[in-house]
């Protein structure tokens, strides 16, 4: 009886929609939530921005090794979902190791070409005294014990690459992938299914570096500039798995947007920004945000900010992008060309975001938290 009443009530609406021409119908769907899968190596503000925003539907999170090992990244994502109240979002664990690169190869490379500033899961100590805390050095299979408590919910039985393939086939041309760690999972998915990239609506990833310069004053900004001051084309996500970054750069995405290091130098996860976000968020999320360490550039948050409000971008360029996979001094460096100058080896044209409006980004970050507290 209830179903008949609902159908009767909806009949005029459905008839009106059916009568609309295609462009008008598309206009009706313009405000539908953006379907997103997050591929990353942890859980922080970028995840919360997308989970809490009314404009996004997060279909899943896939973990990958990068800043931490994949098992720890998985646990962080699960615990973050519990804190944020989004336990219905599945988490699929991804690649533990890069396609070819390794800790031993990285140590050999450093012996020949000099020390890397940041090595993620392979990091044992800072080369110089650094304001940011030193991460614990762990093995890929070591037990996980998170400071905020371990999650009660469990990961998916599906591995990340298979999850990604299944989801884009179930929702062809509808899913935006937000990737903010090494691109290993996406490269594996593309190698397993050559149609994978072509079925994705848009890939937006944080990675690569063109010619960043220190913009902000202060100790944190100066110390993070060590990463690029002498090596402007090097960036950690690509350097951790250069072969994966190259495969992804030459995959047939319908739309590819790259956020390199460059725009992040004008941003900072300041104590004031954390306080404003914490005040806007629901209590549990606010407490989680307030406990975060300040001082980091807003690398991943720019990706989420672009998705939520593309008007934060003040300068971008169309470039063909690839990554150096030769085991030499430039291993993992970003390669880029304007139209007509690319080598034509399958590299894809990307919209590369070069500068943003930091104040607008911060406003978007606070607004997203407010959405979740409604």
Protein backbone atom coordinates (compact mmCIF):
# COMPACT_ATOMS: atom_id res chain seq x y z
CA UNK A 1 0.00 0.00 0.00
CA UNK A 2 2.77 2.46 0.99
CA UNK A 3 4.74 1.70 -2.16
CA UNK A 4 1.67 2.39 -4.33
CA UNK A 5 1.13 5.74 -2.59
CA UNK A 6 4.81 6.71 -3.06
CA UNK A 7 4.68 5.75 -6.75
CA UNK A 8 1.51 7.75 -7.21
CA UNK A 9 3.04 10.79 -5.52
CA UNK A 10 6.21 10.58 -7.63
CA UNK A 11 4.47 9.96 -10.95
CA UNK A 12 4.00 13.67 -11.87
CA UNK A 13 7.63 14.42 -11.00
CA UNK A 14 8.97 11.53 -13.07
CA UNK A 15 6.75 12.48 -15.99
CA UNK A 16 8.05 16.05 -15.87
CA UNK A 17 11.66 14.87 -15.82
CA UNK A 18 11.04 12.53 -18.74
CA UNK A 19 9.67 15.43 -20.75
CA UNK A 20 12.79 17.54 -20.23
CA UNK A 21 15.29 17.73 -23.10
CA UNK A 22 18.70 16.19 -22.40
CA UNK A 23 20.54 19.47 -21.58
CA UNK A 24 17.82 20.48 -19.13
CA UNK A 25 17.96 17.07 -17.48
CA UNK A 26 21.72 17.44 -17.13
CA UNK A 27 21.09 20.80 -15.47
CA UNK A 28 18.84 19.07 -12.91
CA UNK A 29 21.70 16.68 -12.00
CA UNK A 30 24.39 19.35 -11.75
CA UNK A 31 24.19 19.49 -7.95
CA UNK A 32 24.34 15.73 -7.46
CA UNK A 33 27.17 14.70 -5.11
CA UNK A 34 30.51 13.95 -6.75
CA UNK A 35 31.32 10.25 -6.48
CA UNK A 36 34.86 9.92 -5.12
CA UNK A 37 37.35 7.21 -4.23
CA UNK A 38 40.29 8.35 -2.10
CA UNK A 39 43.65 6.63 -2.67
CA UNK A 40 46.16 7.65 0.00
CA UNK A 41 48.54 6.61 2.75
CA UNK A 42 46.81 7.76 5.93
CA UNK A 43 43.94 9.88 7.20
CA UNK A 44 43.95 13.64 7.73
CA UNK A 45 42.26 16.90 6.70
CA UNK A 46 41.89 15.99 3.01
CA UNK A 47 39.82 12.94 3.93
CA UNK A 48 37.67 14.91 6.35
CA UNK A 49 37.03 17.65 3.79
CA UNK A 50 35.62 15.14 1.33
CA UNK A 51 33.79 12.99 3.87
CA UNK A 52 32.11 15.93 5.60
CA UNK A 53 31.22 17.96 2.51
CA UNK A 54 27.63 17.85 1.27
CA UNK A 55 28.98 17.96 -2.30
CA UNK A 56 30.80 14.61 -2.18
CA UNK A 57 29.86 10.96 -1.86
CA UNK A 58 32.93 8.95 -0.84
CA UNK A 59 32.50 5.44 -2.25
CA UNK A 60 35.62 4.02 -0.67
CA UNK A 61 39.20 4.54 0.48
CA UNK A 62 42.18 2.58 -0.81
CA UNK A 63 45.45 2.57 1.12
CA UNK A 64 49.02 2.45 -0.19
CA UNK A 65 52.51 2.61 1.28
CA UNK A 66 54.19 5.99 1.18
CA UNK A 67 54.59 8.13 4.27
CA UNK A 68 53.76 4.96 6.23
CA UNK A 69 53.35 1.30 5.30
CA UNK A 70 50.04 0.21 3.80
CA UNK A 71 48.93 -1.73 6.90
CA UNK A 72 49.31 1.39 9.06
CA UNK A 73 47.62 3.56 6.42
CA UNK A 74 44.69 1.13 6.41
CA UNK A 75 44.35 1.27 10.19
CA UNK A 76 44.55 5.07 10.14
CA UNK A 77 41.77 5.25 7.55
CA UNK A 78 39.54 2.84 9.49
CA UNK A 79 40.07 4.72 12.75
CA UNK A 80 39.49 8.05 11.03
CA UNK A 81 36.19 6.82 9.62
CA UNK A 82 35.12 5.76 13.12
CA UNK A 83 35.99 9.17 14.54
CA UNK A 84 34.20 10.95 11.70
CA UNK A 85 31.13 8.69 11.89
CA UNK A 86 31.47 7.30 8.35
CA UNK A 87 31.93 3.62 9.11
CA UNK A 88 29.86 2.66 6.06
CA UNK A 89 32.75 3.68 3.76
CA UNK A 90 34.80 0.59 2.79
CA UNK A 91 38.60 0.57 3.07
CA UNK A 92 40.59 -1.68 0.73
CA UNK A 93 44.26 -2.21 1.52
CA UNK A 94 46.63 -1.66 -1.36
CA UNK A 95 50.24 -2.17 -2.35
CA UNK A 96 52.80 -2.61 0.42
CA UNK A 97 55.80 -2.12 -1.87
CA UNK A 98 56.48 0.06 -4.92
CA UNK A 99 56.63 -1.67 -8.31
CA UNK A 100 60.46 -1.67 -8.45
CA UNK A 101 61.90 0.84 -5.99
CA UNK A 102 62.89 -0.36 -2.52
CA UNK A 103 64.55 0.76 0.69
CA UNK A 104 67.81 -0.94 -0.32
CA UNK A 105 67.77 0.72 -3.75
CA UNK A 106 67.07 4.08 -2.12
CA UNK A 107 70.03 3.70 0.23
CA UNK A 108 72.26 2.77 -2.74
CA UNK A 109 70.95 5.80 -4.65
CA UNK A 110 71.71 8.09 -1.70
CA UNK A 111 75.27 6.74 -1.51
CA UNK A 112 75.80 7.85 -5.11
CA UNK A 113 73.68 11.00 -5.49
CA UNK A 114 73.18 12.42 -1.99
CA UNK A 115 70.63 12.33 0.82
CA UNK A 116 66.88 12.64 0.33
CA UNK A 117 65.07 15.02 2.67
CA UNK A 118 62.06 12.74 3.17
CA UNK A 119 61.81 8.97 2.59
CA UNK A 120 58.40 8.14 4.06
CA UNK A 121 58.15 4.60 5.43
CA UNK A 122 61.93 4.22 4.98
CA UNK A 123 62.67 7.31 7.13
CA UNK A 124 64.91 6.70 10.14
CA UNK A 125 65.99 10.24 11.03
CA UNK A 126 66.15 13.75 9.63
CA UNK A 127 69.45 14.67 7.98
CA UNK A 128 69.40 18.03 9.80
CA UNK A 129 67.60 19.20 12.97
CA UNK A 130 63.96 19.70 12.00
CA UNK A 131 60.99 21.27 13.76
CA UNK A 132 58.59 18.54 12.65
CA UNK A 133 58.46 15.39 14.75
CA UNK A 134 60.51 12.36 13.73
CA UNK A 135 58.23 9.50 12.62
CA UNK A 136 58.72 6.03 14.12
CA UNK A 137 60.70 3.64 11.94
CA UNK A 138 58.67 0.46 11.40
CA UNK A 139 58.77 -2.59 9.17
CA UNK A 140 56.06 -3.38 6.60
CA UNK A 141 54.60 -6.16 8.74
CA UNK A 142 55.08 -4.69 12.20
CA UNK A 143 51.98 -4.54 14.43
CA UNK A 144 50.01 -1.29 14.28
CA UNK A 145 49.26 0.63 17.48
CA UNK A 146 47.75 4.03 16.73
CA UNK A 147 48.02 6.94 19.24
CA UNK A 148 44.29 7.65 18.83
CA UNK A 149 43.39 3.99 19.41
CA UNK A 150 43.11 1.09 16.99
CA UNK A 151 39.94 0.68 14.90
CA UNK A 152 37.16 -1.75 15.76
CA UNK A 153 35.91 -1.92 12.17
CA UNK A 154 37.82 -4.05 9.65
CA UNK A 155 39.13 -3.57 6.12
CA UNK A 156 37.55 -5.02 3.00
CA UNK A 157 38.54 -8.51 1.85
CA UNK A 158 39.21 -7.00 -1.59
CA UNK A 159 42.64 -5.66 -2.52
CA UNK A 160 42.77 -2.03 -3.60
CA UNK A 161 43.46 -2.54 -7.32
CA UNK A 162 40.54 -4.95 -7.66
CA UNK A 163 38.27 -2.65 -5.67
CA UNK A 164 39.15 0.28 -7.94
CA UNK A 165 38.47 -1.75 -11.09
CA UNK A 166 35.17 -3.09 -9.78
CA UNK A 167 33.90 0.33 -8.71
CA UNK A 168 34.67 2.14 -11.95
CA UNK A 169 33.01 -0.68 -13.90
CA UNK A 170 29.93 -0.42 -11.70
CA UNK A 171 29.91 3.40 -12.11
CA UNK A 172 31.49 4.06 -15.53
CA UNK A 173 32.50 7.69 -16.18
CA UNK A 174 31.05 8.77 -12.81
CA UNK A 175 33.90 8.36 -10.31
CA UNK A 176 36.61 10.91 -9.56
CA UNK A 177 39.71 9.36 -8.03
CA UNK A 178 41.58 11.54 -5.54
CA UNK A 179 45.12 10.20 -5.14
CA UNK A 180 47.43 11.85 -2.62
CA UNK A 181 50.11 9.20 -2.12
CA UNK A 182 52.32 7.12 -4.41
CA UNK A 183 50.40 5.92 -7.47
CA UNK A 184 51.13 2.19 -7.11
CA UNK A 185 47.49 1.07 -6.77
CA UNK A 186 46.40 2.98 -9.87
CA UNK A 187 49.27 1.60 -11.92
CA UNK A 188 48.40 -1.95 -10.85
CA UNK A 189 44.73 -1.41 -11.68
CA UNK A 190 45.63 -0.12 -15.14
CA UNK A 191 47.92 -3.06 -15.83
CA UNK A 192 45.23 -5.51 -14.69
CA UNK A 193 42.49 -3.80 -16.70
CA UNK A 194 43.58 -1.71 -19.71
CA UNK A 195 40.16 0.00 -19.77
CA UNK A 196 40.37 1.10 -16.12
CA UNK A 197 41.59 4.67 -16.67
CA UNK A 198 39.17 5.30 -19.53
CA UNK A 199 36.24 4.47 -17.23
CA UNK A 200 37.23 7.08 -14.61
CA UNK A 201 35.55 10.48 -14.81
CA UNK A 202 38.65 12.34 -13.56
CA UNK A 203 41.90 11.57 -11.79
CA UNK A 204 43.17 14.33 -9.52
CA UNK A 205 46.48 13.55 -7.87
CA UNK A 206 49.03 15.31 -5.70
CA UNK A 207 52.48 14.62 -7.06
CA UNK A 208 55.37 15.97 -9.04
CA UNK A 209 57.10 19.33 -8.89
CA UNK A 210 57.86 22.02 -11.47
CA UNK A 211 59.73 24.97 -9.97
CA UNK A 212 58.46 25.69 -6.44
CA UNK A 213 59.85 28.57 -4.40
CA UNK A 214 59.52 29.37 -0.71
CA UNK A 215 56.67 31.84 -0.31
CA UNK A 216 55.91 31.96 3.42
CA UNK A 217 58.26 33.06 6.18
CA UNK A 218 59.03 30.99 9.24
CA UNK A 219 60.93 27.90 10.30
CA UNK A 220 58.51 25.33 8.88
CA UNK A 221 58.38 26.93 5.44
CA UNK A 222 62.15 27.23 5.34
CA UNK A 223 62.67 23.61 6.37
CA UNK A 224 60.16 22.24 3.87
CA UNK A 225 61.93 24.23 1.15
CA UNK A 226 64.90 21.87 1.58
CA UNK A 227 62.90 19.34 -0.45
CA UNK A 228 63.01 21.43 -3.63
CA UNK A 229 65.51 24.28 -3.28
CA UNK A 230 68.27 22.33 -5.09
CA UNK A 231 66.09 19.69 -6.75
CA UNK A 232 62.97 21.50 -8.00
CA UNK A 233 61.62 18.55 -10.02
CA UNK A 234 61.71 16.04 -7.14
CA UNK A 235 58.62 15.24 -5.05
CA UNK A 236 58.13 12.38 -2.58
CA UNK A 237 55.01 10.64 -3.95
CA UNK A 238 56.55 10.25 -7.40
CA UNK A 239 60.04 9.51 -6.04
CA UNK A 240 58.74 6.64 -3.86
CA UNK A 241 57.38 4.79 -6.92
CA UNK A 242 58.55 6.44 -10.15
CA UNK A 243 57.52 3.49 -12.34
CA UNK A 244 53.94 3.70 -11.08
CA UNK A 245 53.87 7.46 -11.66
CA UNK A 246 55.05 6.92 -15.24
CA UNK A 247 52.44 4.24 -15.94
CA UNK A 248 49.69 6.49 -14.59
CA UNK A 249 50.97 9.42 -16.67
CA UNK A 250 50.57 7.33 -19.82
CA UNK A 251 47.16 5.86 -19.04
CA UNK A 252 44.03 6.94 -20.99
CA UNK A 253 42.27 9.16 -18.44
CA UNK A 254 39.30 11.13 -19.72
CA UNK A 255 40.43 14.04 -17.55
CA UNK A 256 43.71 14.36 -15.64
CA UNK A 257 44.49 17.07 -13.09
CA UNK A 258 47.85 17.28 -11.33
CA UNK A 259 48.62 19.23 -8.16
CA UNK A 260 52.42 19.48 -7.90
CA UNK A 261 54.36 20.89 -4.95
CA UNK A 262 54.32 24.40 -6.42
CA UNK A 263 51.00 25.78 -5.09
CA UNK A 264 51.56 24.30 -1.61
CA UNK A 265 54.40 26.68 -0.77
CA UNK A 266 51.88 29.49 -0.22
CA UNK A 267 49.91 27.42 2.30
CA UNK A 268 50.36 26.10 5.81
CA UNK A 269 48.44 23.98 8.28
CA UNK A 270 48.65 26.68 10.91
CA UNK A 271 47.43 26.46 14.50
CA UNK A 272 44.85 29.13 13.64
CA UNK A 273 43.48 27.14 10.68
CA UNK A 274 43.25 23.97 12.78
CA UNK A 275 41.40 25.91 15.49
CA UNK A 276 38.88 27.32 13.01
CA UNK A 277 38.26 23.93 11.45
CA UNK A 278 37.92 22.28 14.86
CA UNK A 279 35.40 24.91 15.96
CA UNK A 280 33.29 24.38 12.81
CA UNK A 281 33.34 20.57 12.97
CA UNK A 282 31.18 18.21 14.99
CA UNK A 283 32.69 17.51 18.43
CA UNK A 284 34.49 14.22 17.78
CA UNK A 285 35.99 15.46 14.53
CA UNK A 286 36.88 18.79 16.10
CA UNK A 287 38.86 17.08 18.85
CA UNK A 288 40.69 14.99 16.24
CA UNK A 289 41.59 18.10 14.21
CA UNK A 290 42.71 20.07 17.26
CA UNK A 291 45.27 17.36 18.09
CA UNK A 292 46.97 17.55 14.67
CA UNK A 293 50.55 18.81 14.39
CA UNK A 294 50.71 22.25 12.72
CA UNK A 295 53.32 23.55 10.32
CA UNK A 296 52.86 21.35 7.24
CA UNK A 297 52.04 22.71 3.78
CA UNK A 298 48.52 21.90 2.57
CA UNK A 299 49.60 19.47 -0.16
CA UNK A 300 46.63 17.08 -0.18
CA UNK A 301 44.12 19.67 0.97
CA UNK A 302 44.64 21.58 -2.29
CA UNK A 303 43.41 18.50 -4.16
CA UNK A 304 40.24 18.33 -2.05
CA UNK A 305 39.81 22.10 -2.24
CA UNK A 306 40.01 22.02 -6.04
CA UNK A 307 37.34 19.33 -6.15
CA UNK A 308 35.02 21.26 -3.81
CA UNK A 309 35.65 24.67 -5.36
CA UNK A 310 37.70 24.87 -8.59
CA UNK A 311 37.76 28.67 -8.24
CA UNK A 312 40.61 28.32 -5.70
CA UNK A 313 42.91 27.85 -8.72
CA UNK A 314 44.50 31.11 -9.86
CA UNK A 315 46.99 29.73 -12.40
CA UNK A 316 47.26 26.45 -14.29
CA UNK A 317 48.81 25.12 -17.47
CA UNK A 318 48.20 22.31 -19.94
CA UNK A 319 51.26 20.06 -19.95
CA UNK A 320 52.18 16.58 -21.06
CA UNK A 321 53.57 14.87 -17.96
CA UNK A 322 55.74 11.84 -17.27
CA UNK A 323 58.34 10.77 -14.67
CA UNK A 324 61.97 9.76 -14.94
CA UNK A 325 62.37 6.00 -14.41
CA UNK A 326 66.12 5.87 -15.14
CA UNK A 327 68.13 4.96 -12.04
CA UNK A 328 70.24 8.10 -12.10
CA UNK A 329 70.41 11.46 -10.36
CA UNK A 330 66.97 12.42 -11.69
CA UNK A 331 65.20 9.18 -10.74
CA UNK A 332 61.55 10.01 -10.02
CA UNK A 333 61.78 13.61 -11.25
CA UNK A 334 58.79 15.12 -13.01
CA UNK A 335 59.09 15.57 -16.78
CA UNK A 336 56.83 18.01 -18.63
CA UNK A 337 56.30 19.42 -22.10
CA UNK A 338 53.98 21.86 -23.81
CA UNK A 339 52.05 20.80 -26.90
CA UNK A 340 54.28 19.88 -29.88
CA UNK A 341 57.35 19.22 -27.69
CA UNK A 342 56.34 15.94 -26.01
CA UNK A 343 58.17 12.78 -27.13
CA UNK A 344 54.92 11.00 -28.00
CA UNK A 345 55.52 7.85 -25.98
CA UNK A 346 51.99 7.73 -24.60
CA UNK A 347 52.24 10.60 -22.10
CA UNK A 348 48.90 12.31 -21.47
CA UNK A 349 48.04 15.97 -21.33
CA UNK A 350 47.16 17.15 -17.84
CA UNK A 351 45.81 20.29 -16.29
CA UNK A 352 48.64 21.21 -13.90
CA UNK A 353 47.66 23.54 -11.05
CA UNK A 354 50.47 26.03 -10.47
CA UNK A 355 48.96 28.52 -8.00
CA UNK A 356 45.91 28.85 -5.78
CA UNK A 357 44.20 31.39 -3.51
CA UNK A 358 45.28 30.27 0.00
CA UNK A 359 42.59 32.28 1.80
CA UNK A 360 39.86 30.76 -0.36
CA UNK A 361 41.27 27.27 0.23
CA UNK A 362 41.14 27.80 3.99
CA UNK A 363 37.56 29.03 3.72
CA UNK A 364 36.61 25.91 1.75
CA UNK A 365 38.25 23.74 4.42
CA UNK A 366 36.26 25.37 7.21
CA UNK A 367 33.04 25.26 5.16
CA UNK A 368 33.46 21.52 4.60
CA UNK A 369 33.71 20.94 8.34
CA UNK A 370 30.58 23.04 8.89
CA UNK A 371 28.71 20.85 6.37
CA UNK A 372 29.46 17.82 8.51
CA UNK A 373 28.29 19.47 11.72
CA UNK A 374 24.84 20.33 10.33
